């Protein structure tokens, strides 16, 4: 009888310790994560896509994907920047690649955010015809 009580208290203590560790781990990682995406302007996100490191590009792609679909002005800025028509707003890459060229390489390397961005800027809006401003602009994303 004493051995059974001792075994039960040992198991109860182990269960309480495990739950305490799990809660502590959850709280610690929740605080470490911080905010999901940093706030930045469209030109800053485009600059990050063209000149940032892999993590910065991933975050910039995710931020742009969250707002680009249906927003013609955002799509136009992105495509103009990729074409190099806004050179006065930032330096061009020395290797001649555009932000869409970099997104293609990133998507080919398995970056889902880059792939989502490429899909977003080339996706037609089926609710509208070819004369729609968005649908007229999306073919520029494939050239």
N, C-alpha and C. Protein backbone atom coordinates (compact mmCIF):
# COMPACT_ATOMS: atom_id res chain seq x y z
N UNK A 1 0.82 -1.18 0.00
CA UNK A 1 0.00 0.00 0.00
C UNK A 1 0.87 1.25 0.00
N UNK A 2 1.92 1.27 0.78
CA UNK A 2 2.80 2.42 0.85
C UNK A 2 3.53 2.60 -0.47
N UNK A 3 3.92 1.50 -1.10
CA UNK A 3 4.62 1.58 -2.38
C UNK A 3 3.71 2.15 -3.46
N UNK A 4 2.43 1.79 -3.44
CA UNK A 4 1.49 2.29 -4.44
C UNK A 4 1.28 3.79 -4.26
N UNK A 5 1.17 4.26 -2.99
CA UNK A 5 1.01 5.69 -2.74
C UNK A 5 2.25 6.46 -3.18
N UNK A 6 3.41 5.89 -2.92
CA UNK A 6 4.67 6.53 -3.32
C UNK A 6 4.76 6.61 -4.86
N UNK A 7 4.36 5.54 -5.54
CA UNK A 7 4.39 5.52 -7.01
C UNK A 7 3.41 6.55 -7.58
N UNK A 8 2.21 6.67 -6.97
CA UNK A 8 1.22 7.65 -7.42
C UNK A 8 1.73 9.08 -7.25
N UNK A 9 2.31 9.37 -6.09
CA UNK A 9 2.81 10.73 -5.86
C UNK A 9 3.98 11.05 -6.79
N UNK A 10 4.77 10.06 -7.11
CA UNK A 10 5.87 10.27 -8.06
C UNK A 10 5.33 10.59 -9.45
N UNK A 11 4.31 9.84 -9.90
CA UNK A 11 3.70 10.09 -11.20
C UNK A 11 3.00 11.46 -11.24
N UNK A 12 2.31 11.82 -10.14
CA UNK A 12 1.63 13.11 -10.08
C UNK A 12 2.65 14.25 -10.14
N UNK A 13 3.74 14.11 -9.43
CA UNK A 13 4.80 15.12 -9.47
C UNK A 13 5.40 15.26 -10.85
N UNK A 14 5.61 14.12 -11.52
CA UNK A 14 6.15 14.14 -12.88
C UNK A 14 5.18 14.82 -13.84
N UNK A 15 3.88 14.56 -13.69
CA UNK A 15 2.88 15.18 -14.56
C UNK A 15 2.85 16.69 -14.35
N UNK A 16 2.88 17.13 -13.10
CA UNK A 16 2.87 18.56 -12.81
C UNK A 16 4.13 19.23 -13.37
N UNK A 17 5.26 18.58 -13.22
CA UNK A 17 6.52 19.13 -13.75
C UNK A 17 6.47 19.25 -15.27
N UNK A 18 5.93 18.24 -15.94
CA UNK A 18 5.83 18.26 -17.40
C UNK A 18 4.92 19.39 -17.87
N UNK A 19 3.79 19.57 -17.21
CA UNK A 19 2.87 20.65 -17.58
C UNK A 19 3.51 22.00 -17.35
N UNK A 20 4.21 22.16 -16.24
CA UNK A 20 4.88 23.44 -15.95
C UNK A 20 5.94 23.74 -17.00
N UNK A 21 6.70 22.73 -17.41
CA UNK A 21 7.72 22.93 -18.45
C UNK A 21 7.08 23.32 -19.77
N UNK A 22 5.97 22.67 -20.13
CA UNK A 22 5.29 22.97 -21.40
C UNK A 22 4.76 24.40 -21.40
N UNK A 23 4.16 24.83 -20.32
CA UNK A 23 3.63 26.20 -20.23
C UNK A 23 4.76 27.22 -20.28
N UNK A 24 5.85 26.95 -19.58
CA UNK A 24 7.01 27.85 -19.61
C UNK A 24 7.58 27.95 -21.02
N UNK A 25 7.71 26.83 -21.71
CA UNK A 25 8.22 26.81 -23.08
C UNK A 25 7.32 27.63 -24.00
N UNK A 26 6.00 27.45 -23.88
CA UNK A 26 5.05 28.16 -24.72
C UNK A 26 5.15 29.67 -24.49
N UNK A 27 5.20 30.09 -23.23
CA UNK A 27 5.29 31.52 -22.91
C UNK A 27 6.60 32.10 -23.43
N UNK A 28 7.70 31.39 -23.24
CA UNK A 28 9.01 31.87 -23.69
C UNK A 28 9.03 32.08 -25.20
N UNK A 29 8.57 31.09 -25.95
CA UNK A 29 8.61 31.20 -27.42
C UNK A 29 7.60 32.21 -27.95
N UNK A 30 6.51 32.39 -27.25
CA UNK A 30 5.54 33.40 -27.68
C UNK A 30 6.13 34.80 -27.55
N UNK A 31 6.90 35.04 -26.49
CA UNK A 31 7.54 36.34 -26.30
C UNK A 31 8.69 36.54 -27.26
N UNK A 32 9.41 35.49 -27.61
CA UNK A 32 10.56 35.59 -28.50
C UNK A 32 10.15 35.88 -29.94
N UNK A 33 8.97 35.45 -30.31
CA UNK A 33 8.52 35.60 -31.69
C UNK A 33 8.32 37.05 -32.07
N UNK A 34 7.76 37.84 -31.20
CA UNK A 34 7.53 39.25 -31.49
C UNK A 34 6.44 39.42 -32.54
N UNK A 35 6.36 40.60 -33.15
CA UNK A 35 5.33 40.84 -34.15
C UNK A 35 5.60 40.03 -35.41
N UNK A 36 4.51 39.68 -36.13
CA UNK A 36 4.62 38.84 -37.30
C UNK A 36 5.43 39.45 -38.44
N UNK A 37 5.04 40.61 -38.90
CA UNK A 37 5.73 41.26 -40.00
C UNK A 37 6.05 42.70 -39.62
N UNK A 38 7.26 43.15 -39.95
CA UNK A 38 7.57 44.55 -39.66
C UNK A 38 6.77 45.46 -40.59
N UNK A 39 6.43 46.63 -40.10
CA UNK A 39 5.72 47.59 -40.93
C UNK A 39 6.72 48.36 -41.78
N UNK A 40 6.43 48.47 -43.06
CA UNK A 40 7.29 49.22 -43.95
C UNK A 40 6.47 49.70 -45.13
N UNK A 41 7.02 50.64 -45.87
CA UNK A 41 6.33 51.17 -47.04
C UNK A 41 6.53 50.24 -48.22
N UNK A 42 5.76 50.45 -49.27
CA UNK A 42 5.90 49.64 -50.48
C UNK A 42 7.30 49.79 -51.07
N UNK A 43 7.84 51.02 -51.22
CA UNK A 43 9.20 51.13 -51.74
C UNK A 43 10.25 50.42 -50.88
N UNK A 44 10.07 50.45 -49.56
CA UNK A 44 11.00 49.74 -48.68
C UNK A 44 10.92 48.23 -48.89
N UNK A 45 9.70 47.72 -49.04
CA UNK A 45 9.53 46.28 -49.28
C UNK A 45 10.13 45.89 -50.62
N UNK A 46 9.95 46.73 -51.64
CA UNK A 46 10.52 46.43 -52.96
C UNK A 46 12.05 46.47 -52.90
N UNK A 47 12.60 47.42 -52.17
CA UNK A 47 14.05 47.49 -52.00
C UNK A 47 14.56 46.23 -51.28
N UNK A 48 13.81 45.78 -50.28
CA UNK A 48 14.20 44.58 -49.54
C UNK A 48 14.18 43.35 -50.45
N UNK A 49 13.21 43.30 -51.36
CA UNK A 49 13.15 42.17 -52.31
C UNK A 49 14.35 42.16 -53.23
N UNK A 50 14.78 43.33 -53.64
CA UNK A 50 15.89 43.40 -54.60
C UNK A 50 17.25 43.31 -53.94
N UNK A 51 17.39 43.80 -52.71
CA UNK A 51 18.73 43.91 -52.11
C UNK A 51 18.89 43.21 -50.77
N UNK A 52 17.83 42.68 -50.20
CA UNK A 52 17.90 42.09 -48.87
C UNK A 52 18.42 40.66 -48.89
N UNK A 53 18.70 40.17 -47.70
CA UNK A 53 19.10 38.78 -47.52
C UNK A 53 17.89 37.87 -47.62
N UNK A 54 18.09 36.56 -47.54
CA UNK A 54 16.98 35.61 -47.71
C UNK A 54 15.82 35.82 -46.75
N UNK A 55 16.10 36.07 -45.48
CA UNK A 55 15.02 36.26 -44.51
C UNK A 55 14.28 37.56 -44.78
N UNK A 56 15.01 38.61 -45.10
CA UNK A 56 14.39 39.90 -45.41
C UNK A 56 13.52 39.79 -46.65
N UNK A 57 14.01 39.10 -47.67
CA UNK A 57 13.21 38.91 -48.89
C UNK A 57 11.95 38.11 -48.60
N UNK A 58 12.06 37.10 -47.75
CA UNK A 58 10.90 36.27 -47.41
C UNK A 58 9.84 37.12 -46.70
N UNK A 59 10.26 37.94 -45.76
CA UNK A 59 9.32 38.80 -45.05
C UNK A 59 8.70 39.85 -45.96
N UNK A 60 9.51 40.41 -46.86
CA UNK A 60 8.99 41.41 -47.80
C UNK A 60 7.99 40.77 -48.76
N UNK A 61 8.28 39.57 -49.23
CA UNK A 61 7.33 38.86 -50.11
C UNK A 61 6.02 38.61 -49.40
N UNK A 62 6.11 38.18 -48.15
CA UNK A 62 4.90 37.90 -47.36
C UNK A 62 4.09 39.17 -47.14
N UNK A 63 4.77 40.27 -46.85
CA UNK A 63 4.07 41.54 -46.62
C UNK A 63 3.38 42.02 -47.89
N UNK A 64 4.07 41.93 -49.02
CA UNK A 64 3.46 42.38 -50.28
C UNK A 64 2.31 41.49 -50.70
N UNK A 65 2.44 40.19 -50.49
CA UNK A 65 1.35 39.27 -50.84
C UNK A 65 0.08 39.58 -50.06
N UNK A 66 0.24 40.07 -48.85
CA UNK A 66 -0.93 40.34 -48.03
C UNK A 66 -1.74 41.53 -48.54
N UNK A 67 -1.15 42.37 -49.41
CA UNK A 67 -1.87 43.57 -49.86
C UNK A 67 -1.97 43.72 -51.37
N UNK A 68 -1.24 42.93 -52.14
CA UNK A 68 -1.12 43.24 -53.57
C UNK A 68 -2.36 42.90 -54.39
N UNK A 69 -3.04 41.79 -54.11
CA UNK A 69 -4.10 41.36 -55.02
C UNK A 69 -5.24 42.37 -55.06
N UNK A 70 -5.53 42.84 -56.25
CA UNK A 70 -6.58 43.82 -56.46
C UNK A 70 -6.14 45.26 -56.30
N UNK A 71 -4.95 45.48 -55.79
CA UNK A 71 -4.42 46.84 -55.61
C UNK A 71 -3.53 47.19 -56.80
N UNK A 72 -4.11 47.84 -57.77
CA UNK A 72 -3.42 48.12 -59.03
C UNK A 72 -2.19 48.98 -58.81
N UNK A 73 -2.26 49.95 -57.92
CA UNK A 73 -1.11 50.83 -57.71
C UNK A 73 0.08 50.08 -57.12
N UNK A 74 -0.19 49.13 -56.23
CA UNK A 74 0.90 48.33 -55.65
C UNK A 74 1.51 47.44 -56.74
N UNK A 75 0.65 46.80 -57.53
CA UNK A 75 1.15 45.97 -58.63
C UNK A 75 1.97 46.80 -59.61
N UNK A 76 1.48 47.99 -59.95
CA UNK A 76 2.20 48.85 -60.88
C UNK A 76 3.56 49.25 -60.33
N UNK A 77 3.63 49.60 -59.04
CA UNK A 77 4.93 49.94 -58.44
C UNK A 77 5.88 48.76 -58.48
N UNK A 78 5.38 47.58 -58.16
CA UNK A 78 6.22 46.39 -58.17
C UNK A 78 6.75 46.10 -59.57
N UNK A 79 5.87 46.14 -60.56
CA UNK A 79 6.30 45.83 -61.93
C UNK A 79 7.21 46.92 -62.49
N UNK A 80 6.95 48.18 -62.15
CA UNK A 80 7.84 49.27 -62.59
C UNK A 80 9.22 49.13 -61.96
N UNK A 81 9.24 48.78 -60.68
CA UNK A 81 10.53 48.59 -60.01
C UNK A 81 11.29 47.42 -60.62
N UNK A 82 10.58 46.35 -60.93
CA UNK A 82 11.22 45.18 -61.56
C UNK A 82 11.76 45.54 -62.95
N UNK A 83 11.07 46.44 -63.65
CA UNK A 83 11.52 46.85 -64.98
C UNK A 83 12.61 47.90 -64.93
N UNK A 84 12.85 48.46 -63.74
CA UNK A 84 13.91 49.46 -63.60
C UNK A 84 13.49 50.86 -63.98
N UNK A 85 12.20 51.13 -64.03
CA UNK A 85 11.75 52.46 -64.42
C UNK A 85 11.80 53.46 -63.27
N UNK A 86 12.02 53.00 -62.05
CA UNK A 86 12.12 53.90 -60.90
C UNK A 86 13.54 53.88 -60.34
N UNK A 87 14.50 54.01 -61.19
CA UNK A 87 15.90 53.95 -60.75
C UNK A 87 16.26 55.09 -59.81
N UNK A 88 15.51 56.19 -59.88
CA UNK A 88 15.82 57.33 -59.01
C UNK A 88 15.49 57.05 -57.54
N UNK A 89 14.68 56.01 -57.29
CA UNK A 89 14.29 55.70 -55.92
C UNK A 89 15.23 54.71 -55.24
N UNK A 90 16.14 54.14 -55.96
CA UNK A 90 17.05 53.17 -55.34
C UNK A 90 18.09 52.71 -56.32
N UNK A 91 19.14 52.15 -55.78
CA UNK A 91 20.22 51.69 -56.65
C UNK A 91 19.83 50.40 -57.36
N UNK A 92 20.37 50.25 -58.53
CA UNK A 92 20.13 49.03 -59.29
C UNK A 92 21.14 47.98 -58.85
N UNK A 93 20.79 46.76 -59.01
CA UNK A 93 21.70 45.67 -58.66
C UNK A 93 22.86 45.63 -59.65
N UNK A 94 24.02 45.32 -59.15
CA UNK A 94 25.20 45.24 -60.00
C UNK A 94 25.16 44.09 -60.99
N UNK A 95 24.44 43.02 -60.63
CA UNK A 95 24.38 41.85 -61.52
C UNK A 95 23.26 41.96 -62.55
N UNK A 96 22.48 43.06 -62.52
CA UNK A 96 21.45 43.29 -63.53
C UNK A 96 20.14 42.56 -63.28
N UNK A 97 20.05 41.78 -62.21
CA UNK A 97 18.81 41.05 -61.94
C UNK A 97 17.77 41.98 -61.32
N UNK A 98 16.50 41.72 -61.64
CA UNK A 98 15.41 42.49 -61.05
C UNK A 98 14.87 41.75 -59.83
N UNK A 99 13.98 42.38 -59.12
CA UNK A 99 13.41 41.72 -57.95
C UNK A 99 12.59 40.50 -58.33
N UNK A 100 11.99 40.49 -59.52
CA UNK A 100 11.27 39.29 -59.96
C UNK A 100 12.23 38.18 -60.34
N UNK A 101 13.39 38.52 -60.91
CA UNK A 101 14.41 37.50 -61.19
C UNK A 101 14.86 36.82 -59.90
N UNK A 102 15.04 37.62 -58.86
CA UNK A 102 15.47 37.09 -57.57
C UNK A 102 14.36 36.24 -56.96
N UNK A 103 13.11 36.68 -57.11
CA UNK A 103 11.98 35.91 -56.59
C UNK A 103 11.87 34.56 -57.29
N UNK A 104 12.17 34.51 -58.58
CA UNK A 104 12.13 33.24 -59.32
C UNK A 104 13.19 32.29 -58.76
N UNK A 105 14.39 32.80 -58.51
CA UNK A 105 15.46 31.97 -57.95
C UNK A 105 15.06 31.49 -56.55
N UNK A 106 14.53 32.39 -55.73
CA UNK A 106 14.11 32.02 -54.39
C UNK A 106 13.00 30.97 -54.43
N UNK A 107 12.02 31.15 -55.32
CA UNK A 107 10.93 30.18 -55.45
C UNK A 107 11.46 28.83 -55.90
N UNK A 108 12.44 28.85 -56.81
CA UNK A 108 13.06 27.60 -57.25
C UNK A 108 13.84 26.90 -56.16
N UNK A 109 14.25 27.67 -55.15
CA UNK A 109 14.98 27.11 -54.01
C UNK A 109 14.04 26.66 -52.90
N UNK A 110 12.74 26.76 -53.14
CA UNK A 110 11.77 26.28 -52.17
C UNK A 110 11.15 27.34 -51.29
N UNK A 111 11.35 28.62 -51.59
CA UNK A 111 10.77 29.70 -50.79
C UNK A 111 9.30 29.87 -51.20
N UNK A 112 8.40 29.45 -50.34
CA UNK A 112 6.97 29.51 -50.63
C UNK A 112 6.47 30.95 -50.71
N UNK A 113 7.06 31.86 -49.95
CA UNK A 113 6.64 33.25 -49.99
C UNK A 113 6.98 33.90 -51.33
N UNK A 114 8.14 33.57 -51.88
CA UNK A 114 8.51 34.09 -53.20
C UNK A 114 7.59 33.52 -54.27
N UNK A 115 7.25 32.25 -54.16
CA UNK A 115 6.33 31.63 -55.11
C UNK A 115 4.95 32.28 -55.02
N UNK A 116 4.50 32.54 -53.81
CA UNK A 116 3.19 33.20 -53.64
C UNK A 116 3.20 34.59 -54.24
N UNK A 117 4.31 35.32 -54.09
CA UNK A 117 4.40 36.66 -54.68
C UNK A 117 4.35 36.57 -56.20
N UNK A 118 5.08 35.63 -56.78
CA UNK A 118 5.06 35.48 -58.24
C UNK A 118 3.67 35.12 -58.73
N UNK A 119 2.98 34.26 -58.01
CA UNK A 119 1.61 33.91 -58.39
C UNK A 119 0.69 35.11 -58.28
N UNK A 120 0.87 35.90 -57.22
CA UNK A 120 -0.01 37.05 -57.00
C UNK A 120 0.14 38.10 -58.10
N UNK A 121 1.36 38.33 -58.57
CA UNK A 121 1.55 39.39 -59.56
C UNK A 121 1.24 38.93 -60.98
N UNK A 122 1.01 37.65 -61.17
CA UNK A 122 0.68 37.16 -62.52
C UNK A 122 -0.74 36.60 -62.61
N UNK A 123 -1.46 36.59 -61.50
CA UNK A 123 -2.81 36.01 -61.48
C UNK A 123 -3.84 37.00 -62.02
N UNK A 124 -4.61 36.53 -62.97
CA UNK A 124 -5.69 37.35 -63.50
C UNK A 124 -6.88 37.30 -62.55
N UNK A 125 -7.66 38.35 -62.55
CA UNK A 125 -8.89 38.40 -61.75
C UNK A 125 -10.03 37.93 -62.65
N UNK A 126 -10.52 36.73 -62.38
CA UNK A 126 -11.55 36.13 -63.24
C UNK A 126 -12.88 36.87 -63.19
N UNK A 127 -13.08 37.69 -62.20
CA UNK A 127 -14.34 38.44 -62.08
C UNK A 127 -14.42 39.58 -63.10
N UNK A 128 -13.29 39.91 -63.74
CA UNK A 128 -13.25 41.02 -64.67
C UNK A 128 -12.72 40.57 -66.03
N UNK A 129 -12.96 41.38 -67.07
CA UNK A 129 -12.49 41.03 -68.41
C UNK A 129 -11.04 41.50 -68.62
N UNK A 130 -10.54 41.31 -69.83
CA UNK A 130 -9.16 41.66 -70.14
C UNK A 130 -8.90 43.16 -70.14
N UNK A 131 -9.95 43.95 -70.25
CA UNK A 131 -9.80 45.40 -70.26
C UNK A 131 -9.61 45.98 -68.86
N UNK A 132 -9.86 45.18 -67.85
CA UNK A 132 -9.68 45.62 -66.47
C UNK A 132 -8.23 46.02 -66.25
N UNK A 133 -8.01 47.05 -65.45
CA UNK A 133 -6.67 47.58 -65.22
C UNK A 133 -5.73 46.51 -64.65
N UNK A 134 -6.21 45.73 -63.68
CA UNK A 134 -5.39 44.66 -63.09
C UNK A 134 -5.04 43.61 -64.12
N UNK A 135 -6.04 43.11 -64.84
CA UNK A 135 -5.81 42.05 -65.83
C UNK A 135 -4.94 42.52 -66.98
N UNK A 136 -5.02 43.81 -67.31
CA UNK A 136 -4.17 44.34 -68.37
C UNK A 136 -2.72 44.43 -67.93
N UNK A 137 -2.49 44.55 -66.63
CA UNK A 137 -1.12 44.73 -66.11
C UNK A 137 -0.43 43.40 -65.76
N UNK A 138 -1.17 42.37 -65.41
CA UNK A 138 -0.54 41.12 -64.95
C UNK A 138 0.37 40.44 -65.98
N UNK A 139 0.13 40.57 -67.29
CA UNK A 139 1.09 39.95 -68.23
C UNK A 139 2.50 40.54 -68.12
N UNK A 140 2.62 41.77 -67.61
CA UNK A 140 3.96 42.36 -67.44
C UNK A 140 4.80 41.58 -66.44
N UNK A 141 4.14 40.85 -65.53
CA UNK A 141 4.86 40.06 -64.55
C UNK A 141 5.53 38.83 -65.11
N UNK A 142 5.18 38.46 -66.33
CA UNK A 142 5.77 37.27 -66.92
C UNK A 142 6.86 37.58 -67.96
N UNK A 143 7.08 38.86 -68.21
CA UNK A 143 8.10 39.21 -69.21
C UNK A 143 9.40 39.62 -68.58
